[in-house]
PDB file of all heavy atoms in Angstrom:
ATOM      1  N   GLY A   1       0.787  -1.234   0.000  1.00  0.00           N
ATOM      2  CA  GLY A   1       0.000   0.000   0.000  1.00  0.00           C
ATOM      3  C   GLY A   1       0.809   1.270   0.000  1.00  0.00           C
ATOM      4  O   GLY A   1       0.389   2.295   0.556  1.00  0.00           O
ATOM      5  N   LEU A   2       1.983   1.259  -0.660  1.00  0.00           N
ATOM      6  CA  LEU A   2       2.851   2.444  -0.660  1.00  0.00           C
ATOM      7  C   LEU A   2       3.157   2.944  -2.072  1.00  0.00           C
ATOM      8  O   LEU A   2       4.137   3.660  -2.279  1.00  0.00           O
ATOM      9  CB  LEU A   2       4.165   2.136   0.067  1.00  0.00           C
ATOM     10  CG  LEU A   2       4.071   1.909   1.578  1.00  0.00           C
ATOM     11  CD1 LEU A   2       5.425   1.497   2.138  1.00  0.00           C
ATOM     12  CD2 LEU A   2       3.579   3.171   2.283  1.00  0.00           C
ATOM     13  N   THR A   3       2.308   2.577  -3.028  1.00  0.00           N
ATOM     14  CA  THR A   3       2.543   3.014  -4.406  1.00  0.00           C
ATOM     15  C   THR A   3       2.616   4.532  -4.501  1.00  0.00           C
ATOM     16  O   THR A   3       3.510   5.088  -5.156  1.00  0.00           O
ATOM     17  CB  THR A   3       1.432   2.492  -5.339  1.00  0.00           C
ATOM     18  OG1 THR A   3       1.431   1.061  -5.314  1.00  0.00           O
ATOM     19  CG2 THR A   3       1.659   2.965  -6.763  1.00  0.00           C
ATOM     20  N   SER A   4       1.713   5.220  -3.825  1.00  0.00           N
ATOM     21  CA  SER A   4       1.685   6.685  -3.893  1.00  0.00           C
ATOM     22  C   SER A   4       2.843   7.322  -3.141  1.00  0.00           C
ATOM     23  O   SER A   4       3.147   8.500  -3.346  1.00  0.00           O
ATOM     24  CB  SER A   4       0.363   7.211  -3.322  1.00  0.00           C
ATOM     25  OG  SER A   4       0.214   6.835  -1.958  1.00  0.00           O
ATOM     26  N   ALA A   5       3.506   6.560  -2.274  1.00  0.00           N
ATOM     27  CA  ALA A   5       4.631   7.090  -1.498  1.00  0.00           C
ATOM     28  C   ALA A   5       5.966   6.526  -1.969  1.00  0.00           C
ATOM     29  O   ALA A   5       6.987   6.728  -1.318  1.00  0.00           O
ATOM     30  CB  ALA A   5       4.442   6.772  -0.008  1.00  0.00           C
ATOM     31  N   GLY A   6       5.950   5.856  -3.117  1.00  0.00           N
ATOM     32  CA  GLY A   6       7.171   5.222  -3.597  1.00  0.00           C
ATOM     33  C   GLY A   6       8.292   6.196  -3.914  1.00  0.00           C
ATOM     34  O   GLY A   6       9.469   5.852  -3.802  1.00  0.00           O
ATOM     35  N   ASP A   7       7.942   7.434  -4.310  1.00  0.00           N
ATOM     36  CA  ASP A   7       8.963   8.429  -4.655  1.00  0.00           C
ATOM     37  C   ASP A   7       9.251   9.384  -3.500  1.00  0.00           C
ATOM     38  O   ASP A   7       9.966  10.372  -3.680  1.00  0.00           O
ATOM     39  CB  ASP A   7       8.514   9.230  -5.880  1.00  0.00           C
ATOM     40  CG  ASP A   7       8.432   8.355  -7.129  1.00  0.00           C
ATOM     41  OD1 ASP A   7       9.236   7.408  -7.235  1.00  0.00           O
ATOM     42  OD2 ASP A   7       7.556   8.603  -7.984  1.00  0.00           O
ATOM     43  N   ARG A   8       8.705   9.079  -2.327  1.00  0.00           N
ATOM     44  CA  ARG A   8       8.955   9.918  -1.151  1.00  0.00           C
ATOM     45  C   ARG A   8      10.132   9.364  -0.357  1.00  0.00           C
ATOM     46  O   ARG A   8      10.295   8.156  -0.227  1.00  0.00           O
ATOM     47  CB  ARG A   8       7.713   9.956  -0.260  1.00  0.00           C
ATOM     48  CG  ARG A   8       7.785  11.005   0.855  1.00  0.00           C
ATOM     49  CD  ARG A   8       6.641  10.850   1.843  1.00  0.00           C
ATOM     50  NE  ARG A   8       5.340  10.751   1.198  1.00  0.00           N
ATOM     51  CZ  ARG A   8       4.215  10.517   1.869  1.00  0.00           C
ATOM     52  NH1 ARG A   8       4.264  10.322   3.202  1.00  0.00           N
ATOM     53  NH2 ARG A   8       3.061  10.446   1.233  1.00  0.00           N
ATOM     54  N   ARG A   9      10.963  10.259   0.180  1.00  0.00           N
ATOM     55  CA  ARG A   9      12.098   9.817   0.985  1.00  0.00           C
ATOM     56  C   ARG A   9      11.612   9.166   2.280  1.00  0.00           C
ATOM     57  O   ARG A   9      10.605   9.577   2.856  1.00  0.00           O
ATOM     58  CB  ARG A   9      13.026  10.986   1.309  1.00  0.00           C
ATOM     59  CG  ARG A   9      13.716  11.593   0.095  1.00  0.00           C
ATOM     60  CD  ARG A   9      14.692  12.680   0.507  1.00  0.00           C
ATOM     61  NE  ARG A   9      15.204  13.392  -0.649  1.00  0.00           N
ATOM     62  CZ  ARG A   9      16.245  12.991  -1.374  1.00  0.00           C
ATOM     63  NH1 ARG A   9      16.870  11.871  -1.037  1.00  0.00           N
ATOM     64  NH2 ARG A   9      16.661  13.702  -2.415  1.00  0.00           N
ATOM     65  N   LEU A  10      12.369   8.176   2.747  1.00  0.00           N
ATOM     66  CA  LEU A  10      11.979   7.474   3.966  1.00  0.00           C
ATOM     67  C   LEU A  10      11.979   8.383   5.187  1.00  0.00           C
ATOM     68  O   LEU A  10      11.320   8.079   6.180  1.00  0.00           O
ATOM     69  CB  LEU A  10      12.912   6.280   4.221  1.00  0.00           C
ATOM     70  CG  LEU A  10      12.933   5.172   3.176  1.00  0.00           C
ATOM     71  CD1 LEU A  10      13.649   3.942   3.727  1.00  0.00           C
ATOM     72  CD2 LEU A  10      11.538   4.794   2.720  1.00  0.00           C
ATOM     73  N   SER A  11      12.696   9.483   5.130  1.00  0.00           N
ATOM     74  CA  SER A  11      12.705  10.425   6.252  1.00  0.00           C
ATOM     75  C   SER A  11      11.325  11.018   6.495  1.00  0.00           C
ATOM     76  O   SER A  11      11.037  11.517   7.586  1.00  0.00           O
ATOM     77  CB  SER A  11      13.711  11.555   5.991  1.00  0.00           C
ATOM     78  OG  SER A  11      13.408  12.225   4.768  1.00  0.00           O
ATOM     79  N   GLY A  12      10.457  10.952   5.475  1.00  0.00           N
ATOM     80  CA  GLY A  12       9.095  11.465   5.608  1.00  0.00           C
ATOM     81  C   GLY A  12       8.074  10.376   5.880  1.00  0.00           C
ATOM     82  O   GLY A  12       6.869  10.651   5.903  1.00  0.00           O
ATOM     83  N   TYR A  13       8.522   9.137   6.103  1.00  0.00           N
ATOM     84  CA  TYR A  13       7.622   8.023   6.372  1.00  0.00           C
ATOM     85  C   TYR A  13       7.261   7.961   7.855  1.00  0.00           C
ATOM     86  O   TYR A  13       8.080   8.260   8.722  1.00  0.00           O
ATOM     87  CB  TYR A  13       8.282   6.689   5.989  1.00  0.00           C
ATOM     88  CG  TYR A  13       8.160   6.305   4.535  1.00  0.00           C
ATOM     89  CD1 TYR A  13       8.031   7.272   3.535  1.00  0.00           C
ATOM     90  CD2 TYR A  13       8.189   4.972   4.144  1.00  0.00           C
ATOM     91  CE1 TYR A  13       7.936   6.902   2.204  1.00  0.00           C
ATOM     92  CE2 TYR A  13       8.090   4.596   2.815  1.00  0.00           C
ATOM     93  CZ  TYR A  13       7.957   5.576   1.847  1.00  0.00           C
ATOM     94  OH  TYR A  13       7.851   5.230   0.527  1.00  0.00           O
ATOM     95  N   SER A  14       6.031   7.547   8.134  1.00  0.00           N
ATOM     96  CA  SER A  14       5.620   7.293   9.515  1.00  0.00           C
ATOM     97  C   SER A  14       6.182   5.951   9.958  1.00  0.00           C
ATOM     98  O   SER A  14       6.731   5.185   9.155  1.00  0.00           O
ATOM     99  CB  SER A  14       4.095   7.264   9.617  1.00  0.00           C
ATOM    100  OG  SER A  14       3.581   6.141   8.909  1.00  0.00           O
ATOM    101  N   LYS A  15       6.030   5.634  11.255  1.00  0.00           N
ATOM    102  CA  LYS A  15       6.510   4.361  11.771  1.00  0.00           C
ATOM    103  C   LYS A  15       5.836   3.192  11.065  1.00  0.00           C
ATOM    104  O   LYS A  15       6.487   2.209  10.694  1.00  0.00           O
ATOM    105  CB  LYS A  15       6.248   4.283  13.275  1.00  0.00           C
ATOM    106  CG  LYS A  15       6.581   2.945  13.926  1.00  0.00           C
ATOM    107  CD  LYS A  15       8.054   2.631  13.884  1.00  0.00           C
ATOM    108  CE  LYS A  15       8.362   1.348  14.645  1.00  0.00           C
ATOM    109  NZ  LYS A  15       9.777   0.962  14.574  1.00  0.00           N
ATOM    110  N   GLY A  16       4.525   3.297  10.859  1.00  0.00           N
ATOM    111  CA  GLY A  16       3.807   2.231  10.181  1.00  0.00           C
ATOM    112  C   GLY A  16       4.264   2.047   8.743  1.00  0.00           C
ATOM    113  O   GLY A  16       4.377   0.919   8.255  1.00  0.00           O
ATOM    114  N   MET A  17       4.542   3.153   8.052  1.00  0.00           N
ATOM    115  CA  MET A  17       5.017   3.072   6.670  1.00  0.00           C
ATOM    116  C   MET A  17       6.400   2.437   6.609  1.00  0.00           C
ATOM    117  O   MET A  17       6.702   1.655   5.707  1.00  0.00           O
ATOM    118  CB  MET A  17       5.028   4.466   6.031  1.00  0.00           C
ATOM    119  CG  MET A  17       3.636   5.073   5.872  1.00  0.00           C
ATOM    120  SD  MET A  17       3.688   6.822   5.421  1.00  0.00           S
ATOM    121  CE  MET A  17       4.265   6.725   3.724  1.00  0.00           C
ATOM    122  N   LEU A  18       7.258   2.764   7.586  1.00  0.00           N
ATOM    123  CA  LEU A  18       8.594   2.171   7.631  1.00  0.00           C
ATOM    124  C   LEU A  18       8.515   0.665   7.859  1.00  0.00           C
ATOM    125  O   LEU A  18       9.283  -0.112   7.279  1.00  0.00           O
ATOM    126  CB  LEU A  18       9.427   2.824   8.739  1.00  0.00           C
ATOM    127  CG  LEU A  18       9.924   4.250   8.455  1.00  0.00           C
ATOM    128  CD1 LEU A  18      10.587   4.832   9.693  1.00  0.00           C
ATOM    129  CD2 LEU A  18      10.902   4.266   7.280  1.00  0.00           C
ATOM    130  N   GLN A  19       7.569   0.237   8.722  1.00  0.00           N
ATOM    131  CA  GLN A  19       7.410  -1.195   8.951  1.00  0.00           C
ATOM    132  C   GLN A  19       6.933  -1.888   7.685  1.00  0.00           C
ATOM    133  O   GLN A  19       7.344  -3.009   7.385  1.00  0.00           O
ATOM    134  CB  GLN A  19       6.426  -1.442  10.099  1.00  0.00           C
ATOM    135  CG  GLN A  19       6.960  -1.082  11.478  1.00  0.00           C
ATOM    136  CD  GLN A  19       8.117  -1.961  11.887  1.00  0.00           C
ATOM    137  OE1 GLN A  19       9.284  -1.606  11.724  1.00  0.00           O
ATOM    138  NE2 GLN A  19       7.817  -3.111  12.459  1.00  0.00           N
ATOM    139  N   ARG A  20       6.065  -1.216   6.929  1.00  0.00           N
ATOM    140  CA  ARG A  20       5.559  -1.827   5.697  1.00  0.00           C
ATOM    141  C   ARG A  20       6.639  -1.906   4.617  1.00  0.00           C
ATOM    142  O   ARG A  20       6.725  -2.896   3.899  1.00  0.00           O
ATOM    143  CB  ARG A  20       4.344  -1.050   5.185  1.00  0.00           C
ATOM    144  CG  ARG A  20       3.061  -1.402   5.940  1.00  0.00           C
ATOM    145  CD  ARG A  20       1.855  -0.753   5.307  1.00  0.00           C
ATOM    146  NE  ARG A  20       1.720   0.635   5.701  1.00  0.00           N
ATOM    147  CZ  ARG A  20       1.056   1.551   5.017  1.00  0.00           C
ATOM    148  NH1 ARG A  20       0.485   1.219   3.862  1.00  0.00           N
ATOM    149  NH2 ARG A  20       0.954   2.781   5.455  1.00  0.00           N
ATOM    150  N   ILE A  21       7.485  -0.858   4.523  1.00  0.00           N
ATOM    151  CA  ILE A  21       8.577  -0.926   3.548  1.00  0.00           C
ATOM    152  C   ILE A  21       9.584  -1.974   4.005  1.00  0.00           C
ATOM    153  O   ILE A  21      10.224  -2.654   3.192  1.00  0.00           O
ATOM    154  CB  ILE A  21       9.240   0.454   3.346  1.00  0.00           C
ATOM    155  CG1 ILE A  21       9.947   0.517   1.982  1.00  0.00           C
ATOM    156  CG2 ILE A  21      10.234   0.773   4.434  1.00  0.00           C
ATOM    157  CD1 ILE A  21       9.034   0.548   0.803  1.00  0.00           C
ATOM    158  N   GLY A  22       9.713  -2.147   5.334  1.00  0.00           N
ATOM    159  CA  GLY A  22      10.597  -3.178   5.866  1.00  0.00           C
ATOM    160  C   GLY A  22      10.092  -4.568   5.532  1.00  0.00           C
ATOM    161  O   GLY A  22      10.870  -5.467   5.201  1.00  0.00           O
ATOM    162  N   LEU A  23       8.784  -4.744   5.596  1.00  0.00           N
ATOM    163  CA  LEU A  23       8.189  -6.032   5.236  1.00  0.00           C
ATOM    164  C   LEU A  23       8.369  -6.293   3.741  1.00  0.00           C
ATOM    165  O   LEU A  23       8.639  -7.423   3.321  1.00  0.00           O
ATOM    166  CB  LEU A  23       6.706  -6.036   5.603  1.00  0.00           C
ATOM    167  CG  LEU A  23       5.965  -7.372   5.508  1.00  0.00           C
ATOM    168  CD1 LEU A  23       6.659  -8.437   6.352  1.00  0.00           C
ATOM    169  CD2 LEU A  23       4.522  -7.202   5.967  1.00  0.00           C
ATOM    170  N   ALA A  24       8.266  -5.229   2.941  1.00  0.00           N
ATOM    171  CA  ALA A  24       8.453  -5.374   1.492  1.00  0.00           C
ATOM    172  C   ALA A  24       9.881  -5.801   1.172  1.00  0.00           C
ATOM    173  O   ALA A  24      10.099  -6.684   0.332  1.00  0.00           O
ATOM    174  CB  ALA A  24       8.122  -4.062   0.788  1.00  0.00           C
ATOM    175  N   GLN A  25      10.873  -5.210   1.849  1.00  0.00           N
ATOM    176  CA  GLN A  25      12.264  -5.602   1.564  1.00  0.00           C
ATOM    177  C   GLN A  25      12.552  -7.024   2.022  1.00  0.00           C
ATOM    178  O   GLN A  25      13.407  -7.697   1.459  1.00  0.00           O
ATOM    179  CB  GLN A  25      13.255  -4.615   2.205  1.00  0.00           C
ATOM    180  CG  GLN A  25      13.304  -4.573   3.727  1.00  0.00           C
ATOM    181  CD  GLN A  25      14.095  -5.699   4.360  1.00  0.00           C
ATOM    182  OE1 GLN A  25      15.033  -6.223   3.760  1.00  0.00           O
ATOM    183  NE2 GLN A  25      13.735  -6.076   5.575  1.00  0.00           N
ATOM    184  N   ALA A  26      11.801  -7.484   3.043  1.00  0.00           N
ATOM    185  CA  ALA A  26      12.019  -8.845   3.541  1.00  0.00           C
ATOM    186  C   ALA A  26      11.561  -9.902   2.541  1.00  0.00           C
ATOM    187  O   ALA A  26      12.005 -11.050   2.610  1.00  0.00           O
ATOM    188  CB  ALA A  26      11.289  -9.039   4.874  1.00  0.00           C
ATOM    189  N   ILE A  27      10.678  -9.530   1.622  1.00  0.00           N
ATOM    190  CA  ILE A  27      10.171 -10.510   0.655  1.00  0.00           C
ATOM    191  C   ILE A  27      10.551 -10.156  -0.778  1.00  0.00           C
ATOM    192  O   ILE A  27       9.973 -10.685  -1.719  1.00  0.00           O
ATOM    193  CB  ILE A  27       8.635 -10.652   0.766  1.00  0.00           C
ATOM    194  CG1 ILE A  27       7.932  -9.320   0.491  1.00  0.00           C
ATOM    195  CG2 ILE A  27       8.245 -11.177   2.141  1.00  0.00           C
ATOM    196  CD1 ILE A  27       6.410  -9.439   0.449  1.00  0.00           C
ATOM    197  N   VAL A  28      11.531  -9.260  -0.922  1.00  0.00           N
ATOM    198  CA  VAL A  28      11.888  -8.789  -2.261  1.00  0.00           C
ATOM    199  C   VAL A  28      12.351  -9.927  -3.161  1.00  0.00           C
ATOM    200  O   VAL A  28      12.087  -9.930  -4.368  1.00  0.00           O
ATOM    201  CB  VAL A  28      12.956  -7.667  -2.171  1.00  0.00           C
ATOM    202  CG1 VAL A  28      14.293  -8.213  -1.679  1.00  0.00           C
ATOM    203  CG2 VAL A  28      13.131  -6.971  -3.518  1.00  0.00           C
ATOM    204  N   GLN A  29      13.030 -10.940  -2.594  1.00  0.00           N
ATOM    205  CA  GLN A  29      13.544 -12.047  -3.418  1.00  0.00           C
ATOM    206  C   GLN A  29      12.594 -13.229  -3.435  1.00  0.00           C
ATOM    207  O   GLN A  29      12.966 -14.335  -3.814  1.00  0.00           O
ATOM    208  CB  GLN A  29      14.929 -12.484  -2.920  1.00  0.00           C
ATOM    209  CG  GLN A  29      14.932 -13.480  -1.757  1.00  0.00           C
ATOM    210  CD  GLN A  29      14.688 -12.853  -0.400  1.00  0.00           C
ATOM    211  OE1 GLN A  29      13.969 -11.866  -0.269  1.00  0.00           O
ATOM    212  NE2 GLN A  29      15.295 -13.431   0.621  1.00  0.00           N
ATOM    213  N   GLU A  30      11.327 -13.007  -3.035  1.00  0.00           N
ATOM    214  CA  GLU A  30      10.305 -14.053  -3.015  1.00  0.00           C
ATOM    215  C   GLU A  30      10.764 -15.261  -2.192  1.00  0.00           C
ATOM    216  O   GLU A  30      10.910 -16.372  -2.717  1.00  0.00           O
ATOM    217  CB  GLU A  30       9.937 -14.480  -4.445  1.00  0.00           C
ATOM    218  CG  GLU A  30       9.405 -13.344  -5.297  1.00  0.00           C
ATOM    219  CD  GLU A  30       8.967 -13.794  -6.681  1.00  0.00           C
ATOM    220  OE1 GLU A  30       7.941 -14.486  -6.761  1.00  0.00           O
ATOM    221  OE2 GLU A  30       9.661 -13.467  -7.650  1.00  0.00           O
ATOM    222  N   PRO A  31      10.992 -15.070  -0.899  1.00  0.00           N
ATOM    223  CA  PRO A  31      11.498 -16.143  -0.039  1.00  0.00           C
ATOM    224  C   PRO A  31      10.425 -17.175   0.284  1.00  0.00           C
ATOM    225  O   PRO A  31       9.231 -16.932   0.131  1.00  0.00           O
ATOM    226  CB  PRO A  31      11.922 -15.391   1.232  1.00  0.00           C
ATOM    227  CG  PRO A  31      10.962 -14.242   1.290  1.00  0.00           C
ATOM    228  CD  PRO A  31      10.762 -13.824  -0.145  1.00  0.00           C
ATOM    229  N   LYS A  32      10.868 -18.337   0.757  1.00  0.00           N
ATOM    230  CA  LYS A  32       9.943 -19.378   1.215  1.00  0.00           C
ATOM    231  C   LYS A  32       9.625 -19.204   2.690  1.00  0.00           C
ATOM    232  O   LYS A  32       8.604 -19.712   3.172  1.00  0.00           O
ATOM    233  CB  LYS A  32      10.549 -20.760   0.975  1.00  0.00           C
ATOM    234  CG  LYS A  32      10.766 -21.109  -0.483  1.00  0.00           C
ATOM    235  CD  LYS A  32      11.164 -22.562  -0.647  1.00  0.00           C
ATOM    236  CE  LYS A  32      12.524 -22.847  -0.028  1.00  0.00           C
ATOM    237  NZ  LYS A  32      12.927 -24.266  -0.207  1.00  0.00           N
ATOM    238  N   LEU A  33      10.505 -18.511   3.426  1.00  0.00           N
ATOM    239  CA  LEU A  33      10.343 -18.287   4.858  1.00  0.00           C
ATOM    240  C   LEU A  33      10.620 -16.832   5.174  1.00  0.00           C
ATOM    241  O   LEU A  33      11.623 -16.266   4.713  1.00  0.00           O
ATOM    242  CB  LEU A  33      11.313 -19.178   5.649  1.00  0.00           C
ATOM    243  CG  LEU A  33      11.477 -18.888   7.146  1.00  0.00           C
ATOM    244  CD1 LEU A  33      10.193 -19.203   7.906  1.00  0.00           C
ATOM    245  CD2 LEU A  33      12.648 -19.673   7.721  1.00  0.00           C
ATOM    246  N   VAL A  34       9.730 -16.214   5.954  1.00  0.00           N
ATOM    247  CA  VAL A  34       9.932 -14.838   6.400  1.00  0.00           C
ATOM    248  C   VAL A  34       9.959 -14.827   7.922  1.00  0.00           C
ATOM    249  O   VAL A  34       9.051 -15.363   8.567  1.00  0.00           O
ATOM    250  CB  VAL A  34       8.812 -13.893   5.895  1.00  0.00           C
ATOM    251  CG1 VAL A  34       8.994 -12.498   6.468  1.00  0.00           C
ATOM    252  CG2 VAL A  34       8.826 -13.838   4.380  1.00  0.00           C
ATOM    253  N   VAL A  35      11.002 -14.223   8.492  1.00  0.00           N
ATOM    254  CA  VAL A  35      11.163 -14.128   9.937  1.00  0.00           C
ATOM    255  C   VAL A  35      10.959 -12.676  10.348  1.00  0.00           C
ATOM    256  O   VAL A  35      11.647 -11.776   9.844  1.00  0.00           O
ATOM    257  CB  VAL A  35      12.558 -14.614  10.373  1.00  0.00           C
ATOM    258  CG1 VAL A  35      12.719 -14.487  11.884  1.00  0.00           C
ATOM    259  CG2 VAL A  35      12.780 -16.057   9.930  1.00  0.00           C
ATOM    260  N   LEU A  36      10.018 -12.444  11.258  1.00  0.00           N
ATOM    261  CA  LEU A  36       9.648 -11.090  11.673  1.00  0.00           C
ATOM    262  C   LEU A  36       9.813 -10.951  13.182  1.00  0.00           C
ATOM    263  O   LEU A  36       9.211 -11.706  13.944  1.00  0.00           O
ATOM    264  CB  LEU A  36       8.197 -10.787  11.284  1.00  0.00           C
ATOM    265  CG  LEU A  36       7.795 -11.069   9.831  1.00  0.00           C
ATOM    266  CD1 LEU A  36       6.296 -10.875   9.652  1.00  0.00           C
ATOM    267  CD2 LEU A  36       8.578 -10.177   8.872  1.00  0.00           C
ATOM    268  N   ASP A  37      10.610  -9.995  13.607  1.00  0.00           N
ATOM    269  CA  ASP A  37      10.836  -9.758  15.029  1.00  0.00           C
ATOM    270  C   ASP A  37      10.042  -8.523  15.453  1.00  0.00           C
ATOM    271  O   ASP A  37      10.383  -7.406  15.073  1.00  0.00           O
ATOM    272  CB  ASP A  37      12.338  -9.544  15.297  1.00  0.00           C
ATOM    273  CG  ASP A  37      12.686  -9.606  16.776  1.00  0.00           C
ATOM    274  OD1 ASP A  37      11.760  -9.778  17.600  1.00  0.00           O
ATOM    275  OD2 ASP A  37      13.875  -9.472  17.121  1.00  0.00           O
ATOM    276  N   GLU A  38       8.971  -8.725  16.212  1.00  0.00           N
ATOM    277  CA  GLU A  38       8.089  -7.645  16.675  1.00  0.00           C
ATOM    278  C   GLU A  38       7.669  -6.747  15.501  1.00  0.00           C
ATOM    279  O   GLU A  38       7.956  -5.549  15.481  1.00  0.00           O
ATOM    280  CB  GLU A  38       8.789  -6.804  17.751  1.00  0.00           C
ATOM    281  CG  GLU A  38       9.214  -7.571  18.984  1.00  0.00           C
ATOM    282  CD  GLU A  38       8.042  -7.937  19.893  1.00  0.00           C
ATOM    283  OE1 GLU A  38       6.902  -7.547  19.584  1.00  0.00           O
ATOM    284  OE2 GLU A  38       8.292  -8.613  20.902  1.00  0.00           O
ATOM    285  N   PRO A  39       6.953  -7.295  14.510  1.00  0.00           N
ATOM    286  CA  PRO A  39       6.643  -6.533  13.298  1.00  0.00           C
ATOM    287  C   PRO A  39       5.721  -5.335  13.504  1.00  0.00           C
ATOM    288  O   PRO A  39       5.680  -4.448  12.654  1.00  0.00           O
ATOM    289  CB  PRO A  39       5.988  -7.576  12.393  1.00  0.00           C
ATOM    290  CG  PRO A  39       5.433  -8.602  13.330  1.00  0.00           C
ATOM    291  CD  PRO A  39       6.414  -8.667  14.457  1.00  0.00           C
TER     292      PRO A  39
END
């Protein structure tokens, strides 16, 4: 849900947006297992 914020710098992201971009980077290579610590 960050298509509209894709060209915005992360310095302007809220905590929730940072967690979502973090989740996106965790699955960028299409993994079989995702490990999340206090997501």
